C-alpha atoms as a PDB file:
ATOM      1  CA  MET A   1     -46.592 -59.406   2.474  1.00  0.00           C
ATOM      2  CA  THR A   2     -46.954 -57.605   6.066  1.00  0.00           C
ATOM      3  CA  LYS A   3     -44.335 -59.920   7.272  1.00  0.00           C
ATOM      4  CA  LEU A   4     -42.078 -59.390   4.293  1.00  0.00           C
ATOM      5  CA  TRP A   5     -42.327 -55.537   4.903  1.00  0.00           C
ATOM      6  CA  HIS A   6     -41.304 -55.724   8.699  1.00  0.00           C
ATOM      7  CA  THR A   7     -38.357 -57.826   7.610  1.00  0.00           C
ATOM      8  CA  ALA A   8     -37.285 -55.965   4.568  1.00  0.00           C
ATOM      9  CA  GLY A   9     -38.847 -52.449   5.396  1.00  0.00           C
ATOM     10  CA  PRO A  10     -36.161 -51.034   7.916  1.00  0.00           C
ATOM     11  CA  VAL A  11     -33.099 -52.321   6.029  1.00  0.00           C
ATOM     12  CA  LEU A  12     -34.816 -50.578   2.672  1.00  0.00           C
ATOM     13  CA  SER A  13     -35.538 -47.652   4.618  1.00  0.00           C
ATOM     14  CA  ILE A  14     -31.975 -47.489   5.853  1.00  0.00           C
ATOM     15  CA  LEU A  15     -30.841 -47.815   2.271  1.00  0.00           C
ATOM     16  CA  LEU A  16     -32.771 -45.114   1.035  1.00  0.00           C
ATOM     17  CA  VAL A  17     -31.749 -42.624   3.444  1.00  0.00           C
ATOM     18  CA  LEU A  18     -28.158 -43.420   2.944  1.00  0.00           C
ATOM     19  CA  ALA A  19     -28.762 -42.728  -0.944  1.00  0.00           C
ATOM     20  CA  LEU A  20     -30.075 -39.708  -0.110  1.00  0.00           C
ATOM     21  CA  LEU A  21     -27.224 -38.594   1.881  1.00  0.00           C
ATOM     22  CA  TRP A  22     -24.932 -39.747  -0.717  1.00  0.00           C
ATOM     23  CA  TYR A  23     -26.439 -37.919  -3.608  1.00  0.00           C
ATOM     24  CA  GLY A  24     -26.356 -34.721  -1.451  1.00  0.00           C
ATOM     25  CA  ALA A  25     -22.775 -35.153  -0.469  1.00  0.00           C
ATOM     26  CA  ALA A  26     -22.267 -35.735  -4.501  1.00  0.00           C
ATOM     27  CA  ILE A  27     -23.723 -32.664  -5.099  1.00  0.00           C
ATOM     28  CA  ALA A  28     -21.689 -30.911  -2.314  1.00  0.00           C
ATOM     29  CA  LEU A  29     -18.363 -32.582  -3.078  1.00  0.00           C
ATOM     30  CA  ASN A  30     -18.514 -32.198  -6.884  1.00  0.00           C
ATOM     31  CA  ALA A  31     -20.150 -28.684  -7.218  1.00  0.00           C
ATOM     32  CA  ALA A  32     -16.495 -26.685  -6.973  1.00  0.00           C
ATOM     33  CA  TRP A  33     -15.183 -28.552 -10.154  1.00  0.00           C
ATOM     34  CA  ALA A  34     -18.696 -27.806 -11.977  1.00  0.00           C
ATOM     35  CA  LYS A  35     -18.524 -23.895 -10.671  1.00  0.00           C
ATOM     36  CA  ASP A  36     -14.473 -23.793 -11.875  1.00  0.00           C
ATOM     37  CA  LYS A  37     -15.789 -25.113 -15.230  1.00  0.00           C
ATOM     38  CA  ALA A  38     -18.580 -22.730 -15.771  1.00  0.00           C
ATOM     39  CA  SER A  39     -16.251 -19.539 -14.740  1.00  0.00           C
ATOM     40  CA  ARG A  40     -13.849 -20.534 -17.413  1.00  0.00           C
ATOM     41  CA  ILE A  41     -16.298 -19.730 -20.057  1.00  0.00           C
ATOM     42  CA  ASP A  42     -18.116 -16.854 -17.982  1.00  0.00           C
ATOM     43  CA  LYS A  43     -21.294 -19.087 -17.443  1.00  0.00           C
ATOM     44  CA  THR A  44     -23.345 -18.842 -14.267  1.00  0.00           C
ATOM     45  CA  LEU A  45     -25.148 -22.320 -13.716  1.00  0.00           C
ATOM     46  CA  SER A  46     -28.654 -22.426 -12.173  1.00  0.00           C
ATOM     47  CA  PHE A  47     -29.156 -24.733  -9.630  1.00  0.00           C
ATOM     48  CA  SER A  48     -30.491 -27.416 -11.959  1.00  0.00           C
ATOM     49  CA  GLU A  49     -27.531 -27.295 -14.134  1.00  0.00           C
ATOM     50  CA  LEU A  50     -25.210 -27.391 -11.222  1.00  0.00           C
ATOM     51  CA  VAL A  51     -26.860 -30.831  -9.854  1.00  0.00           C
ATOM     52  CA  ALA A  52     -26.847 -32.342 -13.229  1.00  0.00           C
ATOM     53  CA  ASP A  53     -23.100 -31.492 -13.882  1.00  0.00           C
ATOM     54  CA  THR A  54     -22.223 -32.983 -10.345  1.00  0.00           C
ATOM     55  CA  MET A  55     -24.267 -36.068 -11.251  1.00  0.00           C
ATOM     56  CA  SER A  56     -22.345 -36.806 -14.669  1.00  0.00           C
ATOM     57  CA  GLN A  57     -18.481 -35.694 -14.170  1.00  0.00           C
ATOM     58  CA  GLU A  58     -16.154 -38.249 -15.376  1.00  0.00           C
ATOM     59  CA  LYS A  59     -13.945 -38.187 -12.502  1.00  0.00           C
ATOM     60  CA  PRO A  60     -15.958 -36.640  -9.564  1.00  0.00           C
ATOM     61  CA  LEU A  61     -14.748 -36.333  -6.057  1.00  0.00           C
ATOM     62  CA  LEU A  62     -17.502 -38.272  -4.864  1.00  0.00           C
ATOM     63  CA  PRO A  63     -19.479 -40.089  -7.629  1.00  0.00           C
ATOM     64  CA  ALA A  64     -23.202 -40.555  -7.284  1.00  0.00           C
ATOM     65  CA  PRO A  65     -24.729 -43.621  -6.587  1.00  0.00           C
ATOM     66  CA  HIS A  66     -26.182 -44.181 -10.086  1.00  0.00           C
ATOM     67  CA  GLN A  67     -22.652 -43.519 -11.563  1.00  0.00           C
ATOM     68  CA  VAL A  68     -21.440 -46.787  -9.229  1.00  0.00           C
ATOM     69  CA  VAL A  69     -24.528 -48.844 -10.226  1.00  0.00           C
ATOM     70  CA  LYS A  70     -23.885 -48.103 -13.795  1.00  0.00           C
ATOM     71  CA  GLU A  71     -20.101 -48.768 -13.448  1.00  0.00           C
ATOM     72  CA  ILE A  72     -20.981 -52.091 -11.520  1.00  0.00           C
ATOM     73  CA  TYR A  73     -23.493 -53.315 -14.191  1.00  0.00           C
ATOM     74  CA  GLU A  74     -21.014 -52.413 -17.095  1.00  0.00           C
ATOM     75  CA  THR A  75     -18.128 -54.731 -15.492  1.00  0.00           C
ATOM     76  CA  THR A  76     -20.430 -57.557 -14.467  1.00  0.00           C
ATOM     77  CA  VAL A  77     -23.200 -58.092 -16.939  1.00  0.00           C
ATOM     78  CA  LEU A  78     -21.787 -56.462 -20.100  1.00  0.00           C
ATOM     79  CA  LYS A  79     -18.325 -58.210 -19.450  1.00  0.00           C
ATOM     80  CA  LYS A  80     -17.449 -61.504 -20.060  1.00  0.00           C
ATOM     81  CA  ILE A  81     -16.464 -63.141 -16.691  1.00  0.00           C
ATOM     82  CA  THR A  82     -13.203 -64.180 -18.102  1.00  0.00           C
ATOM     83  CA  SER A  83     -12.220 -60.839 -19.061  1.00  0.00           C
ATOM     84  CA  LYS A  84      -9.670 -58.940 -17.043  1.00  0.00           C
ATOM     85  CA  ARG A  85     -12.068 -55.505 -16.937  1.00  0.00           C
ATOM     86  CA  SER A  86     -14.642 -57.968 -15.363  1.00  0.00           C
ATOM     87  CA  LEU A  87     -15.646 -57.402 -11.480  1.00  0.00           C
ATOM     88  CA  VAL A  88     -16.624 -61.065 -11.491  1.00  0.00           C
ATOM     89  CA  TRP A  89     -13.256 -61.945 -12.519  1.00  0.00           C
ATOM     90  CA  HIS A  90     -11.586 -59.678 -10.241  1.00  0.00           C
ATOM     91  CA  SER A  91     -13.564 -60.701  -7.561  1.00  0.00           C
ATOM     92  CA  TRP A  92     -13.042 -64.654  -7.991  1.00  0.00           C
ATOM     93  CA  ILE A  93      -9.333 -63.781  -7.411  1.00  0.00           C
ATOM     94  CA  THR A  94     -10.092 -62.136  -4.482  1.00  0.00           C
ATOM     95  CA  LEU A  95     -12.411 -64.723  -3.040  1.00  0.00           C
ATOM     96  CA  SER A  96      -9.853 -67.611  -3.819  1.00  0.00           C
ATOM     97  CA  ALA A  97      -7.394 -65.704  -1.176  1.00  0.00           C
ATOM     98  CA  THR A  98     -10.208 -64.824   1.281  1.00  0.00           C
ATOM     99  CA  LEU A  99     -11.245 -68.469   1.449  1.00  0.00           C
ATOM    100  CA  LEU A 100      -8.030 -70.115   1.489  1.00  0.00           C
ATOM    101  CA  GLY A 101      -7.123 -67.991   4.041  1.00  0.00           C
ATOM    102  CA  PHE A 102     -10.035 -68.048   5.995  1.00  0.00           C
ATOM    103  CA  ALA A 103      -9.590 -72.115   6.099  1.00  0.00           C
ATOM    104  CA  PHE A 104      -6.193 -71.453   7.148  1.00  0.00           C
ATOM    105  CA  GLY A 105      -7.141 -69.078   9.929  1.00  0.00           C
ATOM    106  CA  THR A 106      -9.779 -71.309  11.206  1.00  0.00           C
ATOM    107  CA  VAL A 107      -7.789 -74.462  11.466  1.00  0.00           C
ATOM    108  CA  LEU A 108      -4.953 -72.408  13.444  1.00  0.00           C
ATOM    109  CA  GLY A 109      -7.447 -70.718  15.456  1.00  0.00           C
ATOM    110  CA  VAL A 110      -9.339 -73.804  16.615  1.00  0.00           C
ATOM    111  CA  LEU A 111      -5.903 -75.671  17.188  1.00  0.00           C
ATOM    112  CA  LEU A 112      -4.851 -72.744  19.277  1.00  0.00           C
ATOM    113  CA  ALA A 113      -8.167 -72.403  21.320  1.00  0.00           C
ATOM    114  CA  VAL A 114      -8.144 -76.126  22.019  1.00  0.00           C
ATOM    115  CA  GLY A 115      -4.064 -75.742  23.304  1.00  0.00           C
ATOM    116  CA  ILE A 116      -5.012 -72.567  25.521  1.00  0.00           C
ATOM    117  CA  VAL A 117      -8.172 -74.214  26.962  1.00  0.00           C
ATOM    118  CA  TYR A 118      -6.537 -77.488  28.030  1.00  0.00           C
ATOM    119  CA  SER A 119      -2.953 -76.388  28.837  1.00  0.00           C
ATOM    120  CA  ARG A 120      -2.253 -73.508  31.755  1.00  0.00           C
ATOM    121  CA  ALA A 121       1.163 -72.948  30.240  1.00  0.00           C
ATOM    122  CA  MET A 122      -0.328 -71.972  26.531  1.00  0.00           C
ATOM    123  CA  ASP A 123      -2.855 -70.307  28.491  1.00  0.00           C
ATOM    124  CA  MET A 124      -0.251 -68.111  30.191  1.00  0.00           C
ATOM    125  CA  SER A 125       2.260 -67.725  27.233  1.00  0.00           C
ATOM    126  CA  VAL A 126       0.263 -68.263  24.119  1.00  0.00           C
ATOM    127  CA  MET A 127      -2.775 -66.080  24.731  1.00  0.00           C
ATOM    128  CA  PRO A 128      -1.043 -62.543  25.226  1.00  0.00           C
ATOM    129  CA  TRP A 129       1.259 -63.018  22.139  1.00  0.00           C
ATOM    130  CA  VAL A 130      -2.291 -63.770  20.359  1.00  0.00           C
ATOM    131  CA  ILE A 131      -3.646 -60.534  21.271  1.00  0.00           C
ATOM    132  CA  THR A 132      -0.501 -58.448  20.954  1.00  0.00           C
ATOM    133  CA  SER A 133      -0.402 -59.924  17.317  1.00  0.00           C
ATOM    134  CA  GLN A 134      -3.186 -57.830  16.275  1.00  0.00           C
ATOM    135  CA  THR A 135      -1.953 -54.626  17.643  1.00  0.00           C
ATOM    136  CA  ILE A 136       0.538 -54.575  14.661  1.00  0.00           C
ATOM    137  CA  PRO A 137      -1.050 -52.564  11.533  1.00  0.00           C
ATOM    138  CA  ILE A 138      -1.744 -55.166   8.899  1.00  0.00           C
ATOM    139  CA  LEU A 139      -0.483 -52.570   6.257  1.00  0.00           C
ATOM    140  CA  ALA A 140       3.153 -52.838   7.788  1.00  0.00           C
ATOM    141  CA  VAL A 141       3.073 -56.697   8.190  1.00  0.00           C
ATOM    142  CA  ALA A 142       1.606 -57.310   4.492  1.00  0.00           C
ATOM    143  CA  PRO A 143       4.654 -56.169   2.275  1.00  0.00           C
ATOM    144  CA  MET A 144       7.097 -58.001   4.972  1.00  0.00           C
ATOM    145  CA  ILE A 145       5.057 -61.191   4.467  1.00  0.00           C
ATOM    146  CA  ILE A 146       5.071 -60.954   0.705  1.00  0.00           C
ATOM    147  CA  VAL A 147       8.961 -60.237   0.726  1.00  0.00           C
ATOM    148  CA  VAL A 148       9.826 -63.271   2.657  1.00  0.00           C
ATOM    149  CA  LEU A 149       7.627 -65.633   1.157  1.00  0.00           C
ATOM    150  CA  ASN A 150       8.386 -64.400  -2.284  1.00  0.00           C
ATOM    151  CA  ALA A 151      12.359 -65.095  -1.197  1.00  0.00           C
ATOM    152  CA  VAL A 152      11.454 -68.508  -0.132  1.00  0.00           C
ATOM    153  CA  GLY A 153       9.831 -69.065  -3.817  1.00  0.00           C
ATOM    154  CA  VAL A 154       6.030 -68.786  -2.432  1.00  0.00           C
ATOM    155  CA  SER A 155       4.384 -66.509  -4.465  1.00  0.00           C
ATOM    156  CA  GLY A 156       1.002 -65.997  -6.148  1.00  0.00           C
ATOM    157  CA  LEU A 157      -2.338 -66.967  -4.083  1.00  0.00           C
ATOM    158  CA  LEU A 158      -0.426 -67.964  -0.751  1.00  0.00           C
ATOM    159  CA  PRO A 159       0.830 -64.972   0.297  1.00  0.00           C
ATOM    160  CA  LYS A 160      -2.625 -63.370   0.066  1.00  0.00           C
ATOM    161  CA  ALA A 161      -4.119 -66.098   2.021  1.00  0.00           C
ATOM    162  CA  PHE A 162      -1.385 -65.966   4.891  1.00  0.00           C
ATOM    163  CA  ILE A 163      -2.127 -62.429   5.392  1.00  0.00           C
ATOM    164  CA  SER A 164      -6.011 -63.371   5.455  1.00  0.00           C
ATOM    165  CA  MET A 165      -5.048 -66.315   8.000  1.00  0.00           C
ATOM    166  CA  TYR A 166      -3.311 -63.272  10.116  1.00  0.00           C
ATOM    167  CA  LEU A 167      -6.445 -61.490  10.255  1.00  0.00           C
ATOM    168  CA  SER A 168      -8.911 -64.250  10.481  1.00  0.00           C
ATOM    169  CA  PHE A 169      -7.104 -66.509  12.959  1.00  0.00           C
ATOM    170  CA  PHE A 170      -7.760 -64.120  16.099  1.00  0.00           C
ATOM    171  CA  PRO A 171     -11.546 -63.861  16.489  1.00  0.00           C
ATOM    172  CA  VAL A 172     -11.669 -67.765  16.056  1.00  0.00           C
ATOM    173  CA  VAL A 173      -9.011 -68.096  18.526  1.00  0.00           C
ATOM    174  CA  VAL A 174     -11.190 -65.487  20.959  1.00  0.00           C
ATOM    175  CA  GLY A 175     -14.513 -67.194  20.434  1.00  0.00           C
ATOM    176  CA  MET A 176     -13.450 -70.764  20.824  1.00  0.00           C
ATOM    177  CA  VAL A 177     -11.440 -70.152  23.898  1.00  0.00           C
ATOM    178  CA  LYS A 178     -14.826 -68.474  25.260  1.00  0.00           C
ATOM    179  CA  GLY A 179     -17.030 -71.152  23.835  1.00  0.00           C
ATOM    180  CA  LEU A 180     -14.967 -74.191  25.026  1.00  0.00           C
ATOM    181  CA  ARG A 181     -14.855 -72.447  28.631  1.00  0.00           C
ATOM    182  CA  ALA A 182     -18.929 -72.051  28.291  1.00  0.00           C
ATOM    183  CA  PRO A 183     -19.986 -75.126  30.224  1.00  0.00           C
ATOM    184  CA  ASP A 184     -20.571 -74.491  33.893  1.00  0.00           C
ATOM    185  CA  GLN A 185     -18.406 -76.550  36.849  1.00  0.00           C
ATOM    186  CA  MET A 186     -21.548 -78.490  37.600  1.00  0.00           C
ATOM    187  CA  GLN A 187     -21.596 -79.909  33.954  1.00  0.00           C
ATOM    188  CA  LEU A 188     -17.762 -80.505  33.892  1.00  0.00           C
ATOM    189  CA  ASP A 189     -18.076 -82.140  37.607  1.00  0.00           C
ATOM    190  CA  GLN A 190     -20.786 -84.557  36.204  1.00  0.00           C
ATOM    191  CA  MET A 191     -18.414 -85.872  33.318  1.00  0.00           C
ATOM    192  CA  ARG A 192     -15.717 -86.324  35.971  1.00  0.00           C
ATOM    193  CA  THR A 193     -18.187 -88.201  38.171  1.00  0.00           C
ATOM    194  CA  TRP A 194     -19.001 -90.623  34.935  1.00  0.00           C
ATOM    195  CA  SER A 195     -15.163 -90.967  34.983  1.00  0.00           C
ATOM    196  CA  ALA A 196     -15.212 -89.597  31.416  1.00  0.00           C
ATOM    197  CA  PRO A 197     -11.739 -89.084  29.658  1.00  0.00           C
ATOM    198  CA  LYS A 198     -10.836 -85.750  28.796  1.00  0.00           C
ATOM    199  CA  ALA A 199     -11.557 -86.543  24.811  1.00  0.00           C
ATOM    200  CA  THR A 200     -15.019 -87.660  25.924  1.00  0.00           C
ATOM    201  CA  SER A 201     -15.587 -84.218  27.592  1.00  0.00           C
ATOM    202  CA  PHE A 202     -14.297 -82.302  24.696  1.00  0.00           C
ATOM    203  CA  TRP A 203     -16.224 -83.955  22.049  1.00  0.00           C
ATOM    204  CA  LYS A 204     -19.560 -84.645  24.146  1.00  0.00           C
ATOM    205  CA  LEU A 205     -19.643 -81.290  26.075  1.00  0.00           C
ATOM    206  CA  ARG A 206     -17.115 -78.895  25.182  1.00  0.00           C
ATOM    207  CA  LEU A 207     -17.354 -78.705  21.379  1.00  0.00           C
ATOM    208  CA  PRO A 208     -21.348 -78.751  21.128  1.00  0.00           C
ATOM    209  CA  SER A 209     -21.368 -76.010  23.820  1.00  0.00           C
ATOM    210  CA  SER A 210     -18.718 -73.954  21.350  1.00  0.00           C
ATOM    211  CA  MET A 211     -20.794 -73.999  18.393  1.00  0.00           C
ATOM    212  CA  PRO A 212     -22.641 -70.491  18.961  1.00  0.00           C
ATOM    213  CA  TYR A 213     -19.395 -68.727  19.663  1.00  0.00           C
ATOM    214  CA  LEU A 214     -17.667 -70.608  16.997  1.00  0.00           C
ATOM    215  CA  PHE A 215     -20.226 -69.526  14.284  1.00  0.00           C
ATOM    216  CA  ALA A 216     -20.059 -66.066  15.740  1.00  0.00           C
ATOM    217  CA  SER A 217     -16.411 -65.632  15.386  1.00  0.00           C
ATOM    218  CA  LEU A 218     -16.617 -67.182  11.971  1.00  0.00           C
ATOM    219  CA  LYS A 219     -18.717 -64.334  10.643  1.00  0.00           C
ATOM    220  CA  ILE A 220     -16.257 -61.724  12.030  1.00  0.00           C
ATOM    221  CA  GLY A 221     -13.276 -63.807  10.710  1.00  0.00           C
ATOM    222  CA  ILE A 222     -14.802 -64.397   6.969  1.00  0.00           C
ATOM    223  CA  ALA A 223     -15.152 -60.445   7.024  1.00  0.00           C
ATOM    224  CA  ALA A 224     -11.471 -60.249   8.287  1.00  0.00           C
ATOM    225  CA  SER A 225     -10.037 -62.468   5.690  1.00  0.00           C
ATOM    226  CA  LEU A 226     -11.767 -60.655   2.936  1.00  0.00           C
ATOM    227  CA  VAL A 227     -10.071 -57.482   4.358  1.00  0.00           C
ATOM    228  CA  GLY A 228      -6.862 -59.169   4.262  1.00  0.00           C
ATOM    229  CA  ALA A 229      -6.910 -60.766   0.733  1.00  0.00           C
ATOM    230  CA  ILE A 230      -7.514 -57.022  -0.464  1.00  0.00           C
ATOM    231  CA  VAL A 231      -4.689 -55.495   1.655  1.00  0.00           C
ATOM    232  CA  GLY A 232      -2.641 -58.436   0.222  1.00  0.00           C
ATOM    233  CA  GLU A 233      -3.070 -56.884  -3.056  1.00  0.00           C
ATOM    234  CA  LEU A 234      -2.250 -53.664  -2.489  1.00  0.00           C
ATOM    235  CA  PRO A 235       1.505 -53.617  -1.821  1.00  0.00           C
ATOM    236  CA  THR A 236       2.467 -56.094  -4.626  1.00  0.00           C
ATOM    237  CA  GLY A 237       1.180 -54.125  -7.380  1.00  0.00           C
ATOM    238  CA  ALA A 238      -1.096 -56.697  -8.281  1.00  0.00           C
ATOM    239  CA  VAL A 239      -3.184 -56.896 -11.793  1.00  0.00           C
ATOM    240  CA  ALA A 240      -5.624 -58.987 -10.533  1.00  0.00           C
ATOM    241  CA  GLY A 241      -8.302 -58.646  -7.704  1.00  0.00           C
ATOM    242  CA  LEU A 242     -10.367 -56.227  -6.094  1.00  0.00           C
ATOM    243  CA  GLY A 243      -7.199 -54.604  -4.339  1.00  0.00           C
ATOM    244  CA  ALA A 244      -5.720 -54.316  -7.750  1.00  0.00           C
ATOM    245  CA  ARG A 245      -8.850 -52.425  -8.917  1.00  0.00           C
ATOM    246  CA  LEU A 246      -8.681 -49.776  -5.978  1.00  0.00           C
ATOM    247  CA  LEU A 247      -4.963 -49.379  -6.611  1.00  0.00           C
ATOM    248  CA  ALA A 248      -5.315 -48.847 -10.560  1.00  0.00           C
ATOM    249  CA  GLY A 249      -8.416 -46.678  -9.839  1.00  0.00           C
ATOM    250  CA  SER A 250      -6.239 -44.471  -7.261  1.00  0.00           C
ATOM    251  CA  TYR A 251      -3.362 -44.390  -9.733  1.00  0.00           C
ATOM    252  CA  TYR A 252      -5.557 -42.899 -12.529  1.00  0.00           C
ATOM    253  CA  GLY A 253      -8.295 -40.827 -10.392  1.00  0.00           C
ATOM    254  CA  GLN A 254     -10.928 -43.145 -11.754  1.00  0.00           C
ATOM    255  CA  THR A 255     -12.945 -42.664  -8.396  1.00  0.00           C
ATOM    256  CA  ILE A 256     -15.973 -44.405 -10.046  1.00  0.00           C
ATOM    257  CA  GLN A 257     -14.013 -47.670 -10.541  1.00  0.00           C
ATOM    258  CA  ILE A 258     -12.858 -47.034  -6.849  1.00  0.00           C
ATOM    259  CA  TRP A 259     -16.223 -46.808  -5.223  1.00  0.00           C
ATOM    260  CA  SER A 260     -17.684 -49.915  -7.818  1.00  0.00           C
ATOM    261  CA  ALA A 261     -14.676 -52.047  -6.235  1.00  0.00           C
ATOM    262  CA  LEU A 262     -15.770 -50.974  -2.385  1.00  0.00           C
ATOM    263  CA  ILE A 263     -19.325 -51.884  -3.247  1.00  0.00           C
ATOM    264  CA  CYS A 264     -18.637 -55.098  -4.638  1.00  0.00           C
ATOM    265  CA  ALA A 265     -16.446 -56.044  -1.883  1.00  0.00           C
ATOM    266  CA  ALA A 266     -18.915 -55.027   0.412  1.00  0.00           C
ATOM    267  CA  VAL A 267     -21.770 -57.119  -1.280  1.00  0.00           C
ATOM    268  CA  LEU A 268     -19.016 -59.925  -1.307  1.00  0.00           C
ATOM    269  CA  ALA A 269     -18.461 -59.758   2.513  1.00  0.00           C
ATOM    270  CA  ALA A 270     -22.200 -59.608   3.187  1.00  0.00           C
ATOM    271  CA  SER A 271     -22.788 -62.770   1.232  1.00  0.00           C
ATOM    272  CA  LEU A 272     -20.053 -64.766   2.800  1.00  0.00           C
ATOM    273  CA  VAL A 273     -21.434 -63.750   6.340  1.00  0.00           C
ATOM    274  CA  ALA A 274     -24.491 -64.710   4.944  1.00  0.00           C
ATOM    275  CA  LEU A 275     -23.466 -68.255   4.088  1.00  0.00           C
ATOM    276  CA  ILE A 276     -21.870 -68.775   7.242  1.00  0.00           C
ATOM    277  CA  GLY A 277     -25.239 -67.672   9.065  1.00  0.00           C
ATOM    278  CA  MET A 278     -27.003 -70.161   7.086  1.00  0.00           C
ATOM    279  CA  ILE A 279     -24.656 -72.994   8.098  1.00  0.00           C
ATOM    280  CA  GLU A 280     -25.033 -71.892  11.650  1.00  0.00           C
ATOM    281  CA  ARG A 281     -28.769 -72.384  11.467  1.00  0.00           C
ATOM    282  CA  ILE A 282     -28.529 -75.495  10.028  1.00  0.00           C
ATOM    283  CA  THR A 283     -25.695 -76.819  12.042  1.00  0.00           C
ATOM    284  CA  LEU A 284     -27.552 -75.523  15.185  1.00  0.00           C
ATOM    285  CA  ARG A 285     -30.803 -76.877  14.275  1.00  0.00           C
ATOM    286  CA  ARG A 286     -29.691 -80.454  13.873  1.00  0.00           C
ATOM    287  CA  MET A 287     -28.016 -80.239  17.330  1.00  0.00           C
ATOM    288  CA  GLY A 288     -31.098 -79.248  18.733  1.00  0.00           C
ATOM    289  CA  MET A 289     -30.120 -75.806  19.829  1.00  0.00           C
ATOM    290  CA  VAL A 290     -32.493 -73.878  18.029  1.00  0.00           C
ATOM    291  CA  GLN A 291     -36.262 -74.708  16.665  1.00  0.00           C
END
């Protein structure tokens, strides 16, 4: 029990502090509307009445935590998974594009990293462009990608996946380049002493050495891929996905809907990162890198 508290205690304490700050901010931001309503009927609100009003507004500036939790409960547990009002259904749509884009980004990132490490020409020419690509705002790139792909008949999941790939391949490239270059010169010289071909050096030395770096970059990449999938849903007027929920909520001033989609996206990202972490522990343990 003590061990469990040492693990979960700090996290729960931070969540409690954040919840209290959230409630305080909700009262402060929503108080103006509550006072305005009361002034129209010449009523003076007591502090308890003011707090109660700020906690129950239909379209608050900042919804209280319990309002967001209630919305999430109603749109997950009380809705059929196949319902277009279900957050589970919208999350699955976004998750599909996220995973596909992440797969594309990982493959592209690993291939570019191998080329950069083994080819000085690619190191000098491709790596600067890889870095430069991330200076372009994704909100500017996303509509262009979607328009171009739609012009050639590609629509649906793939445009969002390409946007996710655009964000997720960069950390994989950087992490893998660092990882493939992790072996020191003595280890590389030892492989040359054994007349090991480059393929053997790659599979037996460079690739195993790069695993911790790869998984660290994959955790960043999967979160970036989710952001890309959500951003890809915004300029298309999509009717499905967490991005579509955010867009619909902003159109109609449904702040509770917006916050529920945001929290759902955060939970989804945390779950994906945790899954990558679990795979990392299993892989490194089998490779003998961790106990």
